[in-house]
Amino acid sequence: MITFKYNQYTPEGTVVHTKTIGEGTTLYWRSESVQVMSDIWEWLPVAYYEENGRIAQRILNMETDTVVVDADIDAVCKRIFNNEYTRLYARESASLEHEAQDPAVKGRIVKVVAGHRKGTVGKVVARTEKVYGMGYRSSLQYKLAIALDDEMVDYHHPNGKVYKNYKNLVWVWALNCEVVNPEVDYSAAEVLAQRHAEATVLALRERFTEALADQATANAQKIAAAA
């Protein structure tokens, strides 16, 4: 629980209010380097608490603010775990979906959707980078060799060796192609999200346990000093 004071300015004068946040969700507080201006950093106390499944923080004024580490750690960690898992799974899934739609990958079946080869469908068997466009608008783009079927022919290399090569293939720009029926394996996103969420919760539990112990020690010292 974090309790702090703030001023409200009215025509009648300044009114001092007291506000409480993080009740039942305050995890720990510590001193850390905080950027207070564009080029100025200060060592300040910062309290961390959970809010709607996210870790929030507040810079403290130790002369007027009070902090009580009082989180229901099991409930807080459950909400944070769910939020972190959902957030990272969505991000990684979107990345996997984007990668699955990349036509410039050998072995993928692609369809040409623009250019003079529009409508051509085949398997990507090779790729190379070429300059696309002219002048200041030019850029390096992938050009793909698309095999129209599986028929192979012998290719006699100048080094004397004979290689198998596709007989019917065309070269097209990757930006003019789309992947046919892209397949996405979401298992990698699940594993990564699970590991990240578990590591986040584990670190929070450790910091909370340390903060709770420090708080108990400080309270015991106060009681001993007052006796």
Protein backbone atom coordinates (compact mmCIF):
# COMPACT_ATOMS: atom_id res chain seq x y z
CA MET A 1 0.00 0.00 0.00
CA ILE A 2 1.42 3.36 -1.06
CA THR A 3 0.10 6.52 0.59
CA PHE A 4 1.13 9.93 -0.69
CA LYS A 5 0.05 13.55 -0.54
CA TYR A 6 -0.59 15.93 -3.39
CA ASN A 7 -1.65 19.57 -3.66
CA GLN A 8 -4.75 20.91 -5.36
CA TYR A 9 -4.69 24.61 -6.14
CA THR A 10 -8.02 26.44 -5.81
CA PRO A 11 -9.05 30.12 -5.74
CA GLU A 12 -9.37 29.80 -1.96
CA GLY A 13 -5.84 28.42 -1.60
CA THR A 14 -3.91 25.16 -1.67
CA VAL A 15 -5.69 22.01 -0.52
CA VAL A 16 -3.57 19.03 0.50
CA HIS A 17 -5.05 15.63 -0.35
CA THR A 18 -3.98 12.15 0.68
CA LYS A 19 -4.31 9.26 -1.76
CA THR A 20 -3.68 5.53 -1.45
CA ILE A 21 -2.76 3.23 -4.33
CA GLY A 22 -1.51 -0.34 -4.60
CA GLU A 23 -3.56 -1.55 -1.65
CA GLY A 24 -3.05 -5.29 -1.41
CA THR A 25 -0.77 -5.25 -4.48
CA THR A 26 2.41 -3.43 -3.36
CA LEU A 27 5.36 -5.73 -4.09
CA TYR A 28 8.55 -3.92 -3.08
CA TRP A 29 10.42 -0.66 -3.20
CA ARG A 30 14.05 0.17 -3.80
CA SER A 31 16.38 3.07 -4.61
CA GLU A 32 17.38 3.34 -8.25
CA SER A 33 18.68 5.81 -10.80
CA VAL A 34 15.79 7.79 -12.30
CA GLN A 35 15.86 10.22 -15.22
CA VAL A 36 14.25 13.42 -13.93
CA MET A 37 15.21 15.61 -16.91
CA SER A 38 16.60 14.95 -20.38
CA ASP A 39 20.19 14.93 -19.12
CA ILE A 40 19.76 14.69 -15.35
CA TRP A 41 19.53 11.47 -13.34
CA GLU A 42 18.91 11.15 -9.61
CA TRP A 43 19.03 8.30 -7.12
CA LEU A 44 15.43 8.05 -5.88
CA PRO A 45 13.20 5.55 -4.06
CA VAL A 46 10.70 3.80 -6.35
CA ALA A 47 7.79 1.61 -5.26
CA TYR A 48 6.45 -1.21 -7.45
CA TYR A 49 2.89 -2.50 -7.36
CA GLU A 50 0.54 -4.51 -9.54
CA GLU A 51 -2.28 -2.83 -11.44
CA ASN A 52 -4.57 -4.74 -13.80
CA GLY A 53 -2.00 -7.47 -14.35
CA ARG A 54 0.83 -5.04 -15.05
CA ILE A 55 3.74 -3.91 -12.89
CA ALA A 56 3.37 -0.21 -12.15
CA GLN A 57 5.74 2.07 -10.29
CA ARG A 58 5.72 5.33 -8.37
CA ILE A 59 8.62 7.57 -7.38
CA LEU A 60 8.44 8.24 -3.66
CA ASN A 61 8.95 11.26 -1.45
CA MET A 62 10.18 9.59 1.71
CA GLU A 63 9.40 12.69 3.79
CA THR A 64 5.66 12.47 3.13
CA ASP A 65 4.97 9.10 1.46
CA THR A 66 4.61 5.74 3.19
CA VAL A 67 4.99 2.26 1.73
CA VAL A 68 3.69 -1.01 3.13
CA VAL A 69 4.57 -4.23 1.31
CA ASP A 70 1.19 -5.96 1.50
CA ALA A 71 0.65 -7.81 -1.79
CA ASP A 72 -1.42 -10.98 -1.93
CA ILE A 73 1.51 -12.49 -3.77
CA ASP A 74 -0.27 -15.58 -5.13
CA ALA A 75 -3.15 -13.57 -6.59
CA VAL A 76 -0.84 -10.86 -7.91
CA CYS A 77 1.51 -13.35 -9.56
CA LYS A 78 -1.39 -15.14 -11.19
CA ARG A 79 -2.64 -11.92 -12.79
CA ILE A 80 0.84 -10.89 -13.89
CA PHE A 81 1.55 -14.37 -15.28
CA ASN A 82 -1.66 -14.34 -17.32
CA ASN A 83 -1.02 -10.84 -18.62
CA GLU A 84 2.62 -11.49 -19.54
CA TYR A 85 1.79 -14.81 -21.20
CA THR A 86 -1.04 -13.29 -23.23
CA ARG A 87 1.03 -10.26 -24.26
CA LEU A 88 4.10 -12.21 -25.33
CA TYR A 89 2.12 -15.00 -27.00
CA ALA A 90 0.28 -12.44 -29.12
CA ARG A 91 3.54 -10.71 -30.08
CA GLU A 92 5.37 -13.93 -30.95
CA SER A 93 2.35 -15.33 -32.82
CA ALA A 94 2.19 -12.19 -34.95
CA SER A 95 5.92 -12.55 -35.66
CA LEU A 96 5.49 -16.21 -36.66
CA GLU A 97 2.54 -15.36 -38.90
CA HIS A 98 4.57 -12.62 -40.59
CA GLU A 99 7.50 -15.01 -41.12
CA ALA A 100 5.18 -17.71 -42.52
CA GLN A 101 4.00 -15.24 -45.16
CA ASP A 102 7.54 -14.44 -46.33
CA PRO A 103 7.86 -15.83 -49.88
CA ALA A 104 11.67 -15.58 -49.91
CA VAL A 105 12.19 -18.97 -48.22
CA LYS A 106 13.41 -22.01 -50.14
CA GLY A 107 10.86 -24.80 -50.42
CA ARG A 108 7.75 -22.66 -50.08
CA ILE A 109 4.99 -22.72 -52.66
CA VAL A 110 4.28 -19.21 -53.86
CA LYS A 111 1.99 -17.48 -56.30
CA VAL A 112 2.93 -14.46 -58.34
CA VAL A 113 0.26 -11.81 -57.74
CA ALA A 114 1.76 -8.89 -59.69
CA GLY A 115 3.97 -8.28 -62.70
CA HIS A 116 4.10 -9.97 -66.08
CA ARG A 117 4.34 -13.42 -64.44
CA LYS A 118 1.10 -12.87 -62.53
CA GLY A 119 -0.75 -16.10 -61.81
CA THR A 120 2.36 -18.32 -61.89
CA VAL A 121 2.56 -20.87 -59.07
CA GLY A 122 5.65 -22.84 -58.12
CA LYS A 123 8.20 -23.82 -55.49
CA VAL A 124 11.00 -21.48 -54.46
CA VAL A 125 14.28 -23.26 -55.24
CA ALA A 126 16.74 -20.36 -55.03
CA ARG A 127 16.95 -16.68 -54.18
CA THR A 128 19.35 -13.83 -54.74
CA GLU A 129 19.46 -10.14 -53.95
CA LYS A 130 19.17 -7.66 -56.81
CA VAL A 131 18.74 -3.92 -57.13
CA TYR A 132 15.05 -3.14 -57.63
CA GLY A 133 14.07 0.18 -59.16
CA MET A 134 16.25 3.03 -60.37
CA GLY A 135 17.95 6.04 -58.88
CA TYR A 136 17.28 7.17 -55.34
CA ARG A 137 14.21 4.92 -55.21
CA SER A 138 16.20 1.76 -55.82
CA SER A 139 16.64 -0.84 -53.10
CA LEU A 140 17.96 -4.35 -52.61
CA GLN A 141 15.17 -6.91 -52.95
CA TYR A 142 15.03 -10.68 -53.19
CA LYS A 143 14.54 -12.26 -56.59
CA LEU A 144 13.24 -15.82 -56.51
CA ALA A 145 13.75 -18.79 -58.80
CA ILE A 146 10.42 -20.61 -58.94
CA ALA A 147 10.26 -24.17 -60.28
CA LEU A 148 7.07 -24.74 -62.24
CA ASP A 149 7.35 -28.54 -61.91
CA ASP A 150 9.75 -31.23 -60.66
CA GLU A 151 11.38 -32.04 -64.02
CA MET A 152 15.19 -31.96 -63.74
CA VAL A 153 17.96 -31.68 -66.34
CA ASP A 154 21.73 -32.06 -66.21
CA TYR A 155 23.68 -28.84 -65.97
CA HIS A 156 27.31 -29.03 -67.03
CA HIS A 157 29.31 -26.59 -64.95
CA PRO A 158 32.52 -25.06 -66.36
CA ASN A 159 34.43 -26.82 -63.57
CA GLY A 160 33.59 -30.12 -65.23
CA LYS A 161 31.01 -31.28 -62.74
CA VAL A 162 27.42 -32.11 -63.65
CA TYR A 163 24.59 -30.83 -61.48
CA LYS A 164 20.88 -31.46 -61.51
CA ASN A 165 18.80 -28.36 -62.12
CA TYR A 166 15.15 -27.61 -62.63
CA LYS A 167 14.21 -27.49 -66.30
CA ASN A 168 11.20 -25.19 -66.01
CA LEU A 169 11.73 -22.25 -63.73
CA VAL A 170 11.19 -18.50 -63.79
CA TRP A 171 12.75 -15.61 -61.90
CA VAL A 172 10.38 -13.21 -60.17
CA TRP A 173 10.62 -10.48 -57.54
CA ALA A 174 9.72 -11.65 -54.04
CA LEU A 175 7.64 -8.52 -53.44
CA ASN A 176 5.34 -9.68 -56.26
CA CYS A 177 4.69 -13.05 -54.60
CA GLU A 178 2.49 -14.48 -51.87
CA VAL A 179 2.87 -17.77 -50.01
CA VAL A 180 0.22 -20.35 -50.90
CA ASN A 181 -1.51 -21.68 -47.75
CA PRO A 182 1.06 -20.41 -45.22
CA GLU A 183 1.46 -22.73 -42.24
CA VAL A 184 2.17 -21.41 -38.76
CA ASP A 185 3.52 -23.51 -35.88
CA TYR A 186 2.44 -21.69 -32.74
CA SER A 187 4.23 -24.09 -30.36
CA ALA A 188 7.35 -21.89 -30.32
CA ALA A 189 5.25 -18.90 -29.24
CA GLU A 190 3.65 -20.96 -26.48
CA VAL A 191 7.02 -22.13 -25.11
CA LEU A 192 8.58 -18.66 -25.22
CA ALA A 193 5.56 -16.99 -23.58
CA GLN A 194 5.44 -19.67 -20.86
CA ARG A 195 9.14 -19.31 -20.03
CA HIS A 196 8.99 -15.51 -19.98
CA ALA A 197 5.91 -15.41 -17.74
CA GLU A 198 7.40 -17.95 -15.33
CA ALA A 199 10.69 -16.03 -15.11
CA THR A 200 8.85 -12.75 -14.50
CA VAL A 201 6.77 -14.22 -11.68
CA LEU A 202 9.79 -15.95 -10.11
CA ALA A 203 11.76 -12.69 -10.02
CA LEU A 204 8.78 -10.87 -8.49
CA ARG A 205 8.40 -13.49 -5.76
CA GLU A 206 12.07 -13.19 -4.86
CA ARG A 207 11.95 -9.39 -4.64
CA PHE A 208 8.69 -9.51 -2.68
CA THR A 209 10.13 -12.02 -0.19
CA GLU A 210 13.23 -9.85 0.32
CA ALA A 211 11.14 -6.69 0.74
CA LEU A 212 8.82 -8.42 3.23
CA ALA A 213 11.80 -9.57 5.30
CA ASP A 214 13.34 -6.08 5.26
CA GLN A 215 10.00 -4.60 6.31
CA ALA A 216 9.68 -7.06 9.21
CA THR A 217 13.22 -6.24 10.35
CA ALA A 218 12.56 -2.50 10.21
CA ASN A 219 9.32 -2.88 12.19
CA ALA A 220 11.09 -4.98 14.83
CA GLN A 221 13.79 -2.32 15.17
CA LYS A 222 11.16 0.37 15.63
CA ILE A 223 9.43 -1.63 18.33
CA ALA A 224 12.73 -2.28 20.09
CA ALA A 225 13.69 1.38 19.93
CA ALA A 226 10.33 2.45 21.39
CA ALA A 227 10.50 -0.07 24.27
